[in-house]
Amino acid sequence: MPTILGQNQYGKAENRVVKITRDGATHHIKDLNVSVSLSGDMEEVHYSGSNANVLPTDTTKNTVYAFAKEHGIESAEQFGIHLARHFVTSQEPIRTARIRIEEYTWERIEAADSNSRFIGADEVKHSFVRQGQETRLTQITYDGSSWEVISGLKDLVVMNSTNSEFWGYVKDEYTTLKEAYDRILATQVSGRWRFNWTDDDQRMPHWEKSYEQTKKHMLQAFAETYSLSLQQTLYQMGSRIIENRGEIDEVRFSLPNKHHFLVDLEPFGLKNDNEVYFAADRPYGLIEATILRDGCEPRIPVDLTNL
């Protein structure tokens, strides 16, 4: 045979599932986008078209919805673990399951006065507005014996309006950028972190608390770092997470530098004292790096595009 089959996988992508938990009059929402990818003994379906080892992708879709009912959705990580374990242990040909989940967060709408008798005042317990801060992410991979859990977020836009400089850089004949001793530092955070929980015998992290605390330490580091470069800020963000969260061994960030340039107002007889900026969306500097706990090996892919 002149060719052989290489790496392959299949599954149902982007299954949108919304789970409403009703605690009396108070409701809770989990809104997920779940993608299932399975691999194993799948050579024959590629070579001859035999589906004898193929669990239909429609079945994986149905499993997502059934598990939302049967197991609930405590967290994106826990839900992904339930799914991955099921596919690997229930289907002999399947050797590895990878579950990718995006979570969209909703917050409760507050009524003007919870004691008000006006129409709508009692809707605080079941009325929500979609949060626009970030999208939460997780990827669960299970091969029947060990786990890999990589969680994170994307599209979290942050800004420091001062306490940022950029000077002392290399200059050549093509350099036109002026040194800055007081600038805006803004970025749209895409980050992933890898947990050191890999075995069912280990104590499982508290996924919801871990996410909340990891995001808190990341944002605090961004706010508290007097930045001489976005690289420095990135390193402080990752270091703060690893120093404070023992369940995490590796963090990777991809941070586009959302440039803000001072507008030249002199043609109008006006002085721009670090007040009016032009926000450029492209091109942008892109700063990326991995921060590791000492002694650990990197496993998060360098390219976060498909993670």
Foldseek 3Di string as FASTA:
>chain_A
DPDADDDDKDAAFFQWDWAWDDPDLAIDIWTKGKTKIWDFPPRCCVVPVDCPQPDDNVVLSVVLHVCCVVVNDPDPVVSQVVSFLCVCVVRPRTQKMKMKMKIWDKDFDAAPDCPDPDPPSVCRRPDIDTDDQWIKIWMWMDRPFWIKIKIWIWQHKDKDLWLEWEDPDDDDPPDDDDGGPTHMWMWTKTKMWIFPGIGPVDDDDPVVVLVVVLVVQLVVLLHPDSYHDVQVSVQSSFVSSVVVDVRTFKMKIKIWTFDWAFDDCVVVVDDCPSPDTDGDPDDTDIDIDMDGDPPDDDDPDRDPPPD
